[in-house]
């Protein structure tokens, strides 16, 4: 998945497909490269598909892969 740089420590996974909102990732350049290595961005995308989500799916700097449940 491709993320767009917003500023020094913010990235956007644009709204696509069934996503109701974009995903915003807070991470340095070094951290975003590590985040891209597992399924963290896929999880952020899945969260962005959930019913009732409002502004965005937010990913904090301590993000890591957890359980994968897909609604997308």
PDB file of N, CA and C in Angstrom:
ATOM      1  N   UNK A   1       0.828  -1.172   0.000  1.00  0.00           N
ATOM      2  CA  UNK A   1       0.000   0.000   0.000  1.00  0.00           C
ATOM      3  C   UNK A   1       0.873   1.236   0.000  1.00  0.00           C
ATOM      4  N   UNK A   2       0.471   2.182  -0.780  1.00  0.00           N
ATOM      5  CA  UNK A   2       1.249   3.420  -0.889  1.00  0.00           C
ATOM      6  C   UNK A   2       0.665   4.486   0.036  1.00  0.00           C
ATOM      7  N   UNK A   3       1.527   5.134   0.789  1.00  0.00           N
ATOM      8  CA  UNK A   3       1.104   6.218   1.663  1.00  0.00           C
ATOM      9  C   UNK A   3       1.666   7.529   1.128  1.00  0.00           C
ATOM     10  N   UNK A   4       0.916   8.610   1.340  1.00  0.00           N
ATOM     11  CA  UNK A   4       1.351   9.939   0.914  1.00  0.00           C
ATOM     12  C   UNK A   4       1.831  10.713   2.131  1.00  0.00           C
ATOM     13  N   UNK A   5       2.976  11.371   1.988  1.00  0.00           N
ATOM     14  CA  UNK A   5       3.518  12.164   3.084  1.00  0.00           C
ATOM     15  C   UNK A   5       2.719  13.451   3.222  1.00  0.00           C
ATOM     16  N   UNK A   6       2.255  13.734   4.438  1.00  0.00           N
ATOM     17  CA  UNK A   6       1.524  14.971   4.721  1.00  0.00           C
ATOM     18  C   UNK A   6       2.492  16.031   5.237  1.00  0.00           C
ATOM     19  N   UNK A   7       3.282  15.653   6.228  1.00  0.00           N
ATOM     20  CA  UNK A   7       4.317  16.529   6.774  1.00  0.00           C
ATOM     21  C   UNK A   7       5.423  15.656   7.355  1.00  0.00           C
ATOM     22  N   UNK A   8       6.306  16.225   8.147  1.00  0.00           N
ATOM     23  CA  UNK A   8       7.480  15.494   8.633  1.00  0.00           C
ATOM     24  C   UNK A   8       7.155  14.160   9.304  1.00  0.00           C
ATOM     25  N   UNK A   9       6.075  14.110  10.066  1.00  0.00           N
ATOM     26  CA  UNK A   9       5.747  12.892  10.814  1.00  0.00           C
ATOM     27  C   UNK A   9       4.309  12.423  10.620  1.00  0.00           C
ATOM     28  N   UNK A  10       3.691  12.794   9.509  1.00  0.00           N
ATOM     29  CA  UNK A  10       2.317  12.378   9.224  1.00  0.00           C
ATOM     30  C   UNK A  10       2.213  11.859   7.802  1.00  0.00           C
ATOM     31  N   UNK A  11       1.454  10.774   7.654  1.00  0.00           N
ATOM     32  CA  UNK A  11       1.278  10.102   6.361  1.00  0.00           C
ATOM     33  C   UNK A  11      -0.194   9.781   6.173  1.00  0.00           C
ATOM     34  N   UNK A  12      -0.653   9.722   4.923  1.00  0.00           N
ATOM     35  CA  UNK A  12      -2.044   9.391   4.653  1.00  0.00           C
ATOM     36  C   UNK A  12      -2.134   8.163   3.754  1.00  0.00           C
ATOM     37  N   UNK A  13      -2.977   7.248   4.162  1.00  0.00           N
ATOM     38  CA  UNK A  13      -3.376   6.132   3.314  1.00  0.00           C
ATOM     39  C   UNK A  13      -4.724   6.579   2.753  1.00  0.00           C
ATOM     40  N   UNK A  14      -4.760   6.995   1.487  1.00  0.00           N
ATOM     41  CA  UNK A  14      -5.986   7.574   0.934  1.00  0.00           C
ATOM     42  C   UNK A  14      -7.167   6.609   0.947  1.00  0.00           C
ATOM     43  N   UNK A  15      -8.343   7.189   1.024  1.00  0.00           N
ATOM     44  CA  UNK A  15      -9.599   6.439   1.007  1.00  0.00           C
ATOM     45  C   UNK A  15      -9.755   5.753  -0.350  1.00  0.00           C
ATOM     46  N   UNK A  16      -9.879   4.426  -0.319  1.00  0.00           N
ATOM     47  CA  UNK A  16     -10.089   3.655  -1.543  1.00  0.00           C
ATOM     48  C   UNK A  16     -11.084   2.536  -1.251  1.00  0.00           C
ATOM     49  N   UNK A  17     -11.693   2.029  -2.297  1.00  0.00           N
ATOM     50  CA  UNK A  17     -12.598   0.892  -2.146  1.00  0.00           C
ATOM     51  C   UNK A  17     -13.681   1.132  -1.109  1.00  0.00           C
ATOM     52  N   UNK A  18     -13.807   0.219  -0.150  1.00  0.00           N
ATOM     53  CA  UNK A  18     -14.853   0.290   0.869  1.00  0.00           C
ATOM     54  C   UNK A  18     -14.494   1.183   2.056  1.00  0.00           C
ATOM     55  N   UNK A  19     -13.312   1.798   2.026  1.00  0.00           N
ATOM     56  CA  UNK A  19     -12.925   2.688   3.123  1.00  0.00           C
ATOM     57  C   UNK A  19     -13.900   3.858   3.200  1.00  0.00           C
ATOM     58  N   UNK A  20     -14.375   4.168   4.389  1.00  0.00           N
ATOM     59  CA  UNK A  20     -15.277   5.295   4.589  1.00  0.00           C
ATOM     60  C   UNK A  20     -14.514   6.587   4.849  1.00  0.00           C
ATOM     61  N   UNK A  21     -13.277   6.457   5.310  1.00  0.00           N
ATOM     62  CA  UNK A  21     -12.404   7.587   5.649  1.00  0.00           C
ATOM     63  C   UNK A  21     -10.963   7.202   5.295  1.00  0.00           C
ATOM     64  N   UNK A  22     -10.060   8.167   5.193  1.00  0.00           N
ATOM     65  CA  UNK A  22      -8.655   7.818   4.992  1.00  0.00           C
ATOM     66  C   UNK A  22      -8.034   7.329   6.302  1.00  0.00           C
ATOM     67  N   UNK A  23      -6.840   6.806   6.222  1.00  0.00           N
ATOM     68  CA  UNK A  23      -6.068   6.448   7.419  1.00  0.00           C
ATOM     69  C   UNK A  23      -4.920   7.441   7.540  1.00  0.00           C
ATOM     70  N   UNK A  24      -4.699   7.935   8.729  1.00  0.00           N
ATOM     71  CA  UNK A  24      -3.607   8.863   9.007  1.00  0.00           C
ATOM     72  C   UNK A  24      -2.614   8.148   9.915  1.00  0.00           C
ATOM     73  N   UNK A  25      -1.362   8.134   9.498  1.00  0.00           N
ATOM     74  CA  UNK A  25      -0.302   7.454  10.251  1.00  0.00           C
ATOM     75  C   UNK A  25       0.650   8.506  10.800  1.00  0.00           C
ATOM     76  N   UNK A  26       0.919   8.457  12.093  1.00  0.00           N
ATOM     77  CA  UNK A  26       1.888   9.339  12.735  1.00  0.00           C
ATOM     78  C   UNK A  26       3.163   8.545  12.960  1.00  0.00           C
ATOM     79  N   UNK A  27       4.192   8.856  12.167  1.00  0.00           N
ATOM     80  CA  UNK A  27       5.455   8.118  12.242  1.00  0.00           C
ATOM     81  C   UNK A  27       6.556   8.886  11.529  1.00  0.00           C
ATOM     82  N   UNK A  28       7.772   8.686  11.975  1.00  0.00           N
ATOM     83  CA  UNK A  28       8.930   9.252  11.280  1.00  0.00           C
ATOM     84  C   UNK A  28       9.166   8.442  10.000  1.00  0.00           C
ATOM     85  N   UNK A  29      10.080   8.929   9.168  1.00  0.00           N
ATOM     86  CA  UNK A  29      10.427   8.197   7.934  1.00  0.00           C
ATOM     87  C   UNK A  29      10.911   6.793   8.280  1.00  0.00           C
ATOM     88  N   UNK A  30      11.718   6.692   9.300  1.00  0.00           N
ATOM     89  CA  UNK A  30      12.263   5.394   9.711  1.00  0.00           C
ATOM     90  C   UNK A  30      11.144   4.453  10.180  1.00  0.00           C
ATOM     91  N   UNK A  31      10.231   4.986  10.985  1.00  0.00           N
ATOM     92  CA  UNK A  31       9.134   4.161  11.489  1.00  0.00           C
ATOM     93  C   UNK A  31       8.156   3.737  10.390  1.00  0.00           C
ATOM     94  N   UNK A  32       7.862   4.631   9.451  1.00  0.00           N
ATOM     95  CA  UNK A  32       6.899   4.270   8.401  1.00  0.00           C
ATOM     96  C   UNK A  32       7.445   3.113   7.562  1.00  0.00           C
ATOM     97  N   UNK A  33       8.751   3.078   7.367  1.00  0.00           N
ATOM     98  CA  UNK A  33       9.347   1.966   6.616  1.00  0.00           C
ATOM     99  C   UNK A  33       9.172   0.648   7.374  1.00  0.00           C
ATOM    100  N   UNK A  34       9.297   0.669   8.706  1.00  0.00           N
ATOM    101  CA  UNK A  34       9.076  -0.538   9.503  1.00  0.00           C
ATOM    102  C   UNK A  34       7.598  -0.931   9.489  1.00  0.00           C
ATOM    103  N   UNK A  35       6.715   0.060   9.561  1.00  0.00           N
ATOM    104  CA  UNK A  35       5.277  -0.199   9.542  1.00  0.00           C
ATOM    105  C   UNK A  35       4.871  -0.868   8.236  1.00  0.00           C
ATOM    106  N   UNK A  36       5.490  -0.490   7.141  1.00  0.00           N
ATOM    107  CA  UNK A  36       5.177  -1.061   5.831  1.00  0.00           C
ATOM    108  C   UNK A  36       5.573  -2.538   5.725  1.00  0.00           C
ATOM    109  N   UNK A  37       6.420  -3.021   6.631  1.00  0.00           N
ATOM    110  CA  UNK A  37       6.923  -4.396   6.556  1.00  0.00           C
ATOM    111  C   UNK A  37       5.915  -5.443   7.042  1.00  0.00           C
ATOM    112  N   UNK A  38       4.932  -5.040   7.842  1.00  0.00           N
ATOM    113  CA  UNK A  38       3.943  -6.013   8.303  1.00  0.00           C
ATOM    114  C   UNK A  38       2.550  -5.600   7.817  1.00  0.00           C
ATOM    115  N   UNK A  39       1.529  -5.990   8.498  1.00  0.00           N
ATOM    116  CA  UNK A  39       0.162  -5.739   8.032  1.00  0.00           C
ATOM    117  C   UNK A  39      -0.524  -4.596   8.777  1.00  0.00           C
ATOM    118  N   UNK A  40       0.264  -3.699   9.369  1.00  0.00           N
ATOM    119  CA  UNK A  40      -0.293  -2.570  10.097  1.00  0.00           C
ATOM    120  C   UNK A  40      -1.149  -1.687   9.200  1.00  0.00           C
ATOM    121  N   UNK A  41      -0.687  -1.402   7.999  1.00  0.00           N
ATOM    122  CA  UNK A  41      -1.460  -0.547   7.094  1.00  0.00           C
ATOM    123  C   UNK A  41      -2.745  -1.236   6.642  1.00  0.00           C
ATOM    124  N   UNK A  42      -2.700  -2.540   6.488  1.00  0.00           N
ATOM    125  CA  UNK A  42      -3.908  -3.289   6.142  1.00  0.00           C
ATOM    126  C   UNK A  42      -4.929  -3.175   7.276  1.00  0.00           C
ATOM    127  N   UNK A  43      -4.450  -3.242   8.510  1.00  0.00           N
ATOM    128  CA  UNK A  43      -5.344  -3.089   9.653  1.00  0.00           C
ATOM    129  C   UNK A  43      -5.951  -1.693   9.678  1.00  0.00           C
ATOM    130  N   UNK A  44      -5.141  -0.672   9.391  1.00  0.00           N
ATOM    131  CA  UNK A  44      -5.647   0.703   9.359  1.00  0.00           C
ATOM    132  C   UNK A  44      -6.720   0.845   8.286  1.00  0.00           C
ATOM    133  N   UNK A  45      -6.503   0.203   7.158  1.00  0.00           N
ATOM    134  CA  UNK A  45      -7.494   0.220   6.080  1.00  0.00           C
ATOM    135  C   UNK A  45      -8.774  -0.473   6.535  1.00  0.00           C
ATOM    136  N   UNK A  46      -8.660  -1.607   7.208  1.00  0.00           N
ATOM    137  CA  UNK A  46      -9.835  -2.327   7.699  1.00  0.00           C
ATOM    138  C   UNK A  46     -10.624  -1.486   8.699  1.00  0.00           C
ATOM    139  N   UNK A  47      -9.933  -0.803   9.589  1.00  0.00           N
ATOM    140  CA  UNK A  47     -10.599   0.060  10.567  1.00  0.00           C
ATOM    141  C   UNK A  47     -11.357   1.173   9.843  1.00  0.00           C
ATOM    142  N   UNK A  48     -10.785   1.691   8.764  1.00  0.00           N
ATOM    143  CA  UNK A  48     -11.422   2.764   7.993  1.00  0.00           C
ATOM    144  C   UNK A  48     -12.702   2.309   7.309  1.00  0.00           C
ATOM    145  N   UNK A  49     -12.969   1.014   7.289  1.00  0.00           N
ATOM    146  CA  UNK A  49     -14.189   0.464   6.690  1.00  0.00           C
ATOM    147  C   UNK A  49     -15.295   0.234   7.704  1.00  0.00           C
ATOM    148  N   UNK A  50     -14.995   0.387   8.981  1.00  0.00           N
ATOM    149  CA  UNK A  50     -15.972   0.060  10.020  1.00  0.00           C
ATOM    150  C   UNK A  50     -17.151   1.030  10.044  1.00  0.00           C
ATOM    151  N   UNK A  51     -18.306   0.499  10.322  1.00  0.00           N
ATOM    152  CA  UNK A  51     -19.519   1.289  10.447  1.00  0.00           C
ATOM    153  C   UNK A  51     -19.338   2.294  11.581  1.00  0.00           C
ATOM    154  N   UNK A  52     -19.725   3.528  11.334  1.00  0.00           N
ATOM    155  CA  UNK A  52     -19.689   4.560  12.362  1.00  0.00           C
ATOM    156  C   UNK A  52     -18.386   5.329  12.459  1.00  0.00           C
ATOM    157  N   UNK A  53     -17.356   4.939  11.720  1.00  0.00           N
ATOM    158  CA  UNK A  53     -16.094   5.687  11.788  1.00  0.00           C
ATOM    159  C   UNK A  53     -16.339   7.098  11.276  1.00  0.00           C
ATOM    160  N   UNK A  54     -15.690   8.081  11.878  1.00  0.00           N
ATOM    161  CA  UNK A  54     -15.981   9.467  11.556  1.00  0.00           C
ATOM    162  C   UNK A  54     -14.928  10.125  10.659  1.00  0.00           C
ATOM    163  N   UNK A  55     -13.842  10.581  11.215  1.00  0.00           N
ATOM    164  CA  UNK A  55     -12.893  11.426  10.481  1.00  0.00           C
ATOM    165  C   UNK A  55     -11.798  10.644   9.779  1.00  0.00           C
ATOM    166  N   UNK A  56     -11.194   9.700  10.483  1.00  0.00           N
ATOM    167  CA  UNK A  56     -10.085   8.934   9.918  1.00  0.00           C
ATOM    168  C   UNK A  56      -9.780   7.743  10.810  1.00  0.00           C
ATOM    169  N   UNK A  57      -9.032   6.822  10.263  1.00  0.00           N
ATOM    170  CA  UNK A  57      -8.455   5.726  11.032  1.00  0.00           C
ATOM    171  C   UNK A  57      -7.058   6.216  11.416  1.00  0.00           C
ATOM    172  N   UNK A  58      -6.820   6.434  12.703  1.00  0.00           N
ATOM    173  CA  UNK A  58      -5.551   7.002  13.145  1.00  0.00           C
ATOM    174  C   UNK A  58      -4.598   5.907  13.618  1.00  0.00           C
ATOM    175  N   UNK A  59      -3.365   5.970  13.154  1.00  0.00           N
ATOM    176  CA  UNK A  59      -2.317   5.001  13.497  1.00  0.00           C
ATOM    177  C   UNK A  59      -1.229   5.749  14.266  1.00  0.00           C
ATOM    178  N   UNK A  60      -1.001   5.340  15.499  1.00  0.00           N
ATOM    179  CA  UNK A  60      -0.019   5.996  16.357  1.00  0.00           C
ATOM    180  C   UNK A  60       1.397   5.446  16.110  1.00  0.00           C
ATOM    181  N   UNK A  61       2.435   6.150  16.563  1.00  0.00           N
ATOM    182  CA  UNK A  61       3.815   5.719  16.318  1.00  0.00           C
ATOM    183  C   UNK A  61       4.166   4.339  16.875  1.00  0.00           C
ATOM    184  N   UNK A  62       3.410   3.847  17.847  1.00  0.00           N
ATOM    185  CA  UNK A  62       3.705   2.526  18.413  1.00  0.00           C
ATOM    186  C   UNK A  62       2.922   1.423  17.698  1.00  0.00           C
ATOM    187  N   UNK A  63       2.447   1.695  16.491  1.00  0.00           N
ATOM    188  CA  UNK A  63       1.644   0.733  15.736  1.00  0.00           C
ATOM    189  C   UNK A  63       2.408  -0.561  15.483  1.00  0.00           C
ATOM    190  N   UNK A  64       1.638  -1.645  15.481  1.00  0.00           N
ATOM    191  CA  UNK A  64       2.208  -2.948  15.176  1.00  0.00           C
ATOM    192  C   UNK A  64       1.090  -3.865  14.709  1.00  0.00           C
ATOM    193  N   UNK A  65       1.454  -4.912  14.067  1.00  0.00           N
ATOM    194  CA  UNK A  65       0.474  -5.877  13.585  1.00  0.00           C
ATOM    195  C   UNK A  65      -0.179  -6.590  14.753  1.00  0.00           C
ATOM    196  N   UNK A  66      -1.483  -6.712  14.695  1.00  0.00           N
ATOM    197  CA  UNK A  66      -2.248  -7.449  15.698  1.00  0.00           C
ATOM    198  C   UNK A  66      -3.170  -8.410  14.985  1.00  0.00           C
ATOM    199  N   UNK A  67      -4.374  -8.568  15.495  1.00  0.00           N
ATOM    200  CA  UNK A  67      -5.350  -9.437  14.847  1.00  0.00           C
ATOM    201  C   UNK A  67      -5.824  -8.799  13.545  1.00  0.00           C
ATOM    202  N   UNK A  68      -6.019  -9.600  12.532  1.00  0.00           N
ATOM    203  CA  UNK A  68      -6.522  -9.096  11.259  1.00  0.00           C
ATOM    204  C   UNK A  68      -7.958  -9.545  11.057  1.00  0.00           C
ATOM    205  N   UNK A  69      -8.848  -8.583  11.017  1.00  0.00           N
ATOM    206  CA  UNK A  69     -10.256  -8.831  10.728  1.00  0.00           C
ATOM    207  C   UNK A  69     -10.620  -7.882   9.610  1.00  0.00           C
ATOM    208  N   UNK A  70     -11.118  -8.395   8.521  1.00  0.00           N
ATOM    209  CA  UNK A  70     -11.379  -7.540   7.375  1.00  0.00           C
ATOM    210  C   UNK A  70     -12.859  -7.303   7.161  1.00  0.00           C
ATOM    211  N   UNK A  71     -13.218  -6.035   7.007  1.00  0.00           N
ATOM    212  CA  UNK A  71     -14.559  -5.638   6.599  1.00  0.00           C
ATOM    213  C   UNK A  71     -14.500  -5.037   5.197  1.00  0.00           C
ATOM    214  N   UNK A  72     -13.315  -4.919   4.639  1.00  0.00           N
ATOM    215  CA  UNK A  72     -13.145  -4.297   3.319  1.00  0.00           C
ATOM    216  C   UNK A  72     -13.159  -5.330   2.219  1.00  0.00           C
TER     217      UNK A  72
END
